[in-house]
Protein backbone atom coordinates (compact mmCIF):
# COMPACT_ATOMS: atom_id res chain seq x y z
CA MET A 1 17.64 124.39 -124.94
CA ILE A 2 20.03 127.31 -124.39
CA GLN A 3 19.43 130.98 -125.09
CA LEU A 4 21.99 133.68 -124.37
CA LYS A 5 21.29 137.36 -125.03
CA GLY A 6 23.96 140.01 -124.58
CA VAL A 7 25.83 137.92 -122.00
CA GLY A 8 29.00 139.34 -120.53
CA VAL A 9 31.28 138.95 -117.51
CA GLN A 10 33.35 141.77 -116.03
CA ARG A 11 36.21 141.32 -113.58
CA SER A 12 38.35 144.10 -112.05
CA GLY A 13 36.88 146.61 -114.48
CA ARG A 14 37.71 144.50 -117.53
CA TRP A 15 35.25 142.58 -119.70
CA ILE A 16 36.52 139.01 -120.03
CA LEU A 17 33.38 137.95 -121.89
CA ARG A 18 31.03 140.23 -123.80
CA ASP A 19 28.19 140.37 -126.33
CA ILE A 20 27.42 136.64 -126.41
CA ASN A 21 24.21 135.93 -128.30
CA TRP A 22 23.59 132.25 -128.96
CA GLU A 23 20.69 129.83 -129.28
CA ILE A 24 21.30 126.09 -129.09
CA PRO A 25 18.53 123.65 -130.05
CA ALA A 26 17.74 120.60 -127.95
CA GLY A 27 19.68 117.46 -128.84
CA ALA A 28 22.38 119.27 -130.82
CA CYS A 29 26.12 118.78 -130.64
CA VAL A 30 27.79 122.20 -130.74
CA ALA A 31 31.21 123.58 -129.90
CA ILE A 32 32.93 126.55 -128.32
CA LEU A 33 36.24 127.09 -130.09
CA GLY A 34 39.06 129.52 -129.46
CA PRO A 35 42.62 130.04 -128.19
CA ASN A 36 43.71 130.34 -124.57
CA GLY A 37 42.22 133.36 -122.83
CA SER A 38 39.36 133.74 -125.29
CA GLY A 39 36.61 133.26 -122.69
CA LYS A 40 35.73 129.59 -123.27
CA SER A 41 36.00 128.52 -119.63
CA THR A 42 34.05 131.53 -118.41
CA LEU A 43 31.19 130.82 -120.81
CA THR A 44 31.25 127.14 -119.83
CA ARG A 45 30.85 128.05 -116.16
CA ILE A 46 27.79 130.14 -117.04
CA LEU A 47 26.22 127.30 -119.02
CA ALA A 48 26.89 124.92 -116.10
CA GLY A 49 25.08 127.25 -113.71
CA HIS A 50 28.23 127.96 -111.69
CA LEU A 51 28.75 131.59 -112.68
CA TRP A 52 26.36 134.52 -112.76
CA PRO A 53 27.00 136.90 -115.69
CA THR A 54 27.56 140.59 -115.16
CA ALA A 55 25.29 141.44 -118.07
CA GLY A 56 22.73 139.78 -120.29
CA ASP A 57 19.96 137.22 -120.13
CA VAL A 58 20.55 133.46 -119.72
CA ARG A 59 18.12 130.59 -120.23
CA VAL A 60 19.42 127.04 -119.85
CA LEU A 61 17.06 124.06 -120.21
CA ASP A 62 13.82 125.41 -118.76
CA GLY A 63 15.61 127.60 -116.24
CA HIS A 64 15.89 131.37 -116.39
CA PHE A 65 18.75 132.95 -114.45
CA GLY A 66 17.21 135.24 -111.84
CA GLU A 67 13.96 133.29 -111.64
CA SER A 68 14.98 129.64 -111.34
CA SER A 69 16.91 127.71 -108.71
CA LEU A 70 20.42 127.12 -110.06
CA PRO A 71 21.09 124.17 -107.70
CA GLU A 72 18.00 122.47 -109.09
CA LEU A 73 19.04 123.35 -112.64
CA ARG A 74 22.50 121.85 -112.13
CA LYS A 75 20.96 118.47 -111.34
CA ARG A 76 20.12 118.11 -115.04
CA ILE A 77 23.52 119.30 -116.26
CA ARG A 78 26.77 117.36 -116.28
CA LEU A 79 30.20 118.93 -116.75
CA VAL A 80 33.14 116.68 -117.66
CA GLN A 81 36.55 118.23 -117.07
CA ALA A 82 39.39 115.79 -117.61
CA ALA A 83 41.77 118.17 -115.84
CA GLY A 84 39.20 119.69 -113.51
CA PRO A 85 39.79 120.77 -109.90
CA TYR A 86 37.77 117.85 -108.53
CA ASP A 87 38.34 114.21 -109.34
CA VAL A 88 36.69 111.03 -108.20
CA ASP A 89 38.22 108.75 -105.58
CA ALA A 90 41.13 107.15 -107.42
CA GLU A 91 40.78 103.92 -105.43
CA LEU A 92 37.32 103.18 -106.82
CA THR A 93 36.94 100.72 -109.65
CA CYS A 94 35.92 101.98 -113.05
CA LEU A 95 32.39 100.64 -112.48
CA GLU A 96 32.19 102.32 -109.07
CA VAL A 97 33.27 105.62 -110.63
CA VAL A 98 30.33 105.41 -113.03
CA LEU A 99 28.01 104.55 -110.14
CA THR A 100 28.98 107.76 -108.31
CA GLY A 101 27.21 109.59 -111.12
CA PHE A 102 23.87 108.59 -109.61
CA PHE A 103 24.72 110.46 -106.41
CA SER A 104 26.83 113.37 -107.75
CA THR A 105 29.62 112.48 -105.34
CA ILE A 106 33.35 111.88 -105.78
CA GLY A 107 33.18 108.79 -103.59
CA LEU A 108 30.67 105.96 -103.37
CA TYR A 109 28.82 106.34 -100.07
CA GLU A 110 25.27 105.25 -100.90
CA VAL A 111 23.64 101.88 -101.43
CA VAL A 112 23.74 100.86 -105.09
CA THR A 113 20.60 99.22 -106.43
CA PRO A 114 20.62 96.40 -109.00
CA SER A 115 19.00 98.79 -111.50
CA MET A 116 21.82 101.31 -111.01
CA ARG A 117 24.45 98.65 -111.49
CA GLU A 118 22.76 97.42 -114.67
CA LYS A 119 22.63 100.95 -116.10
CA ALA A 120 26.26 101.61 -115.17
CA GLU A 121 27.40 98.37 -116.81
CA GLY A 122 25.42 99.27 -119.93
CA MET A 123 27.04 102.71 -120.05
CA LEU A 124 30.50 101.15 -119.76
CA ARG A 125 29.66 99.00 -122.78
CA HIS A 126 28.53 102.14 -124.60
CA VAL A 127 31.90 103.85 -124.06
CA GLY A 128 33.91 100.67 -124.69
CA LEU A 129 35.19 100.10 -121.16
CA SER A 130 33.53 96.85 -120.11
CA HIS A 131 36.92 95.11 -120.12
CA VAL A 132 38.23 97.44 -117.38
CA ALA A 133 35.06 97.63 -115.28
CA ASP A 134 36.78 96.09 -112.25
CA HIS A 135 40.10 97.93 -112.70
CA VAL A 136 41.02 100.58 -110.16
CA TYR A 137 40.51 104.09 -111.58
CA ALA A 138 44.07 105.10 -110.67
CA THR A 139 45.43 102.37 -112.97
CA LEU A 140 43.43 103.44 -116.02
CA SER A 141 45.04 105.34 -118.86
CA SER A 142 44.21 109.02 -119.28
CA GLY A 143 41.88 108.26 -122.18
CA GLU A 144 40.10 105.52 -120.25
CA ARG A 145 39.58 107.91 -117.36
CA VAL A 146 37.95 110.48 -119.63
CA ARG A 147 35.61 107.86 -121.08
CA ALA A 148 34.79 106.67 -117.56
CA LEU A 149 33.90 110.25 -116.60
CA ILE A 150 31.70 110.58 -119.67
CA ALA A 151 29.94 107.34 -118.72
CA ARG A 152 29.57 108.71 -115.18
CA ALA A 153 27.93 111.84 -116.58
CA LEU A 154 25.61 109.98 -118.95
CA VAL A 155 24.36 107.36 -116.51
CA VAL A 156 21.74 109.78 -115.15
CA ARG A 157 20.68 110.87 -118.66
CA PRO A 158 21.41 114.60 -118.27
CA ARG A 159 19.68 117.04 -120.55
CA LEU A 160 22.87 119.08 -121.03
CA LEU A 161 26.39 117.65 -121.28
CA LEU A 162 29.38 120.00 -121.22
CA LEU A 163 32.71 118.50 -122.31
CA ASP A 164 35.51 120.86 -121.34
CA GLU A 165 38.60 119.96 -123.37
CA PRO A 166 37.94 116.23 -123.02
CA THR A 167 40.91 115.20 -125.17
CA ALA A 168 43.53 117.55 -123.69
CA GLY A 169 46.84 115.78 -123.17
CA LEU A 170 45.73 112.50 -124.76
CA ASP A 171 47.70 110.57 -127.34
CA LEU A 172 46.25 109.88 -130.77
CA LEU A 173 44.48 106.61 -129.97
CA ALA A 174 43.00 107.91 -126.71
CA ARG A 175 41.81 111.09 -128.39
CA GLU A 176 40.07 109.20 -131.15
CA GLN A 177 38.45 106.82 -128.64
CA VAL A 178 37.00 109.78 -126.75
CA LEU A 179 35.72 111.40 -129.94
CA ALA A 180 34.21 108.08 -131.05
CA THR A 181 32.42 107.92 -127.69
CA VAL A 182 30.90 111.36 -128.25
CA GLN A 183 29.99 110.64 -131.87
CA ARG A 184 28.28 107.37 -130.91
CA MET A 185 25.71 109.29 -128.86
CA PHE A 186 24.45 111.00 -132.02
CA GLU A 187 24.36 108.03 -134.37
CA ALA A 188 21.27 106.08 -135.34
CA GLY A 189 20.69 103.16 -133.04
CA ALA A 190 22.29 104.86 -130.04
CA GLY A 191 19.39 103.60 -127.96
CA GLN A 192 18.29 106.90 -126.45
CA PRO A 193 18.07 110.55 -127.49
CA PRO A 194 21.41 112.29 -126.96
CA PRO A 195 21.76 115.13 -124.48
CA THR A 196 22.41 118.56 -125.84
CA THR A 197 26.21 118.49 -125.95
CA VAL A 198 28.68 121.37 -125.90
CA MET A 199 32.32 120.62 -126.74
CA ILE A 200 34.86 123.17 -125.51
CA THR A 201 38.21 122.97 -127.27
CA HIS A 202 41.19 124.79 -128.75
CA HIS A 203 41.42 122.55 -131.79
CA VAL A 204 39.09 121.89 -134.73
CA GLU A 205 40.62 118.41 -135.01
CA GLU A 206 38.78 117.55 -131.80
CA LEU A 207 35.31 118.26 -133.20
CA PRO A 208 33.26 115.10 -133.90
CA PRO A 209 31.33 114.93 -137.21
CA ALA A 210 28.07 115.42 -135.27
CA THR A 211 29.05 119.04 -134.56
CA SER A 212 26.40 121.24 -136.19
CA GLN A 213 27.26 124.69 -134.86
CA ILE A 214 30.41 126.42 -133.64
CA LEU A 215 30.87 129.58 -131.60
CA VAL A 216 34.38 130.98 -132.06
CA LEU A 217 35.61 133.27 -129.29
CA SER A 218 38.44 135.77 -129.52
CA ASP A 219 39.43 138.07 -126.65
CA GLY A 220 36.12 137.38 -124.93
CA ARG A 221 33.92 138.27 -127.88
CA PRO A 222 32.26 136.21 -130.61
CA ALA A 223 34.47 136.13 -133.70
CA MET A 224 32.13 133.88 -135.69
CA LEU A 225 29.03 131.77 -135.16
CA GLY A 226 27.69 129.25 -137.65
CA SER A 227 27.99 125.81 -139.15
CA PRO A 228 31.43 124.18 -139.46
CA GLU A 229 31.43 125.08 -143.17
CA GLN A 230 30.82 128.73 -142.31
CA VAL A 231 33.27 128.93 -139.43
CA ILE A 232 36.22 126.69 -140.29
CA ARG A 233 37.73 128.91 -142.96
CA PRO A 234 41.33 130.13 -143.26
CA GLU A 235 40.47 133.82 -143.12
CA VAL A 236 38.40 133.39 -139.94
CA LEU A 237 40.72 131.15 -137.97
CA SER A 238 43.96 132.82 -139.10
CA ALA A 239 42.69 136.03 -137.50
CA VAL A 240 41.49 134.26 -134.33
CA TYR A 241 44.66 132.21 -133.77
CA ARG A 242 46.93 135.00 -135.03
CA CYS A 243 48.86 132.82 -137.42
CA PRO A 244 48.34 131.81 -141.06
CA VAL A 245 46.42 128.54 -141.13
CA GLN A 246 45.30 126.27 -143.93
CA VAL A 247 42.11 124.24 -143.66
CA ARG A 248 41.66 120.64 -144.72
CA ARG A 249 38.57 118.46 -144.52
CA SER A 250 38.68 114.67 -144.58
CA GLY A 251 36.16 112.02 -143.54
CA GLU A 252 33.74 114.59 -142.06
CA ARG A 253 36.57 115.90 -139.87
CA TRP A 254 38.38 119.23 -140.05
CA TYR A 255 42.08 119.95 -139.67
CA LEU A 256 44.15 123.11 -139.37
CA GLU A 257 47.71 123.27 -140.65
CA VAL A 258 50.42 125.89 -140.34
CA HIS A 259 53.12 125.65 -143.00
CA PRO A 260 56.71 125.61 -141.66
CA ASP A 261 57.49 128.57 -143.92
CA ALA A 262 55.46 130.68 -141.47
CA TRP A 263 57.34 129.63 -138.35
CA GLU A 264 60.06 132.28 -138.48
CA GLY A 265 57.45 135.02 -138.58
CA LEU A 266 55.65 133.53 -135.58
CA LEU A 267 58.81 133.55 -133.46
CA ASN A 268 59.35 137.23 -134.12
CA ARG A 269 55.96 138.26 -132.75
């Protein structure tokens, strides 16, 4: 589904992303993990077809950068950014927001068919938002908005779904509702094959159990690539996050902890 070979991005004479080699199989749920400034957003923009790399070879879906039309490629990709630069019309209802996904617009300007409405209503049920279908988007909670945006992305059945920090700024319940929405796509009985999904996050706590592969970035380079068991280890993530972390696993989820005894040392850095 995705193949990156020697991918890098240079800006003002400095490499902000370099030596990315990664293959992602179709239908997988994978993650890009790393601290601020590690290159996550830059790599996400490449995968979305919005940024041309300075170096390397990129294949996304059946498109090859340099040979394929990126505007056509982007029609089969959906990027969800809860805090992105563009948002939908806040005066639309939750259902109308999902319907804009059919037209790739931030407002609803086209005629909606009965089939579209039926699919949108079904997607709202899938993400647990049927009860707010007629609520104005501006009145929804932050977590409800993220789930509405995920439903908006999924309504056209994209082949690639990019979730850029989908739980940033959410409280505990809202975060878990978003993660449950993502996990549901990969569970038996979901009703349709899931899109290849890439989660971009700072925190291992935000990785759903379906995550099968993690690319850890540090200073624009790969620090580790592998399964969660291979990647989420104290020695790996302590070096990446530059603080001593302990790893805990519970209920197919992973958690990082920093003991308070280490705080004084962190303040002196």
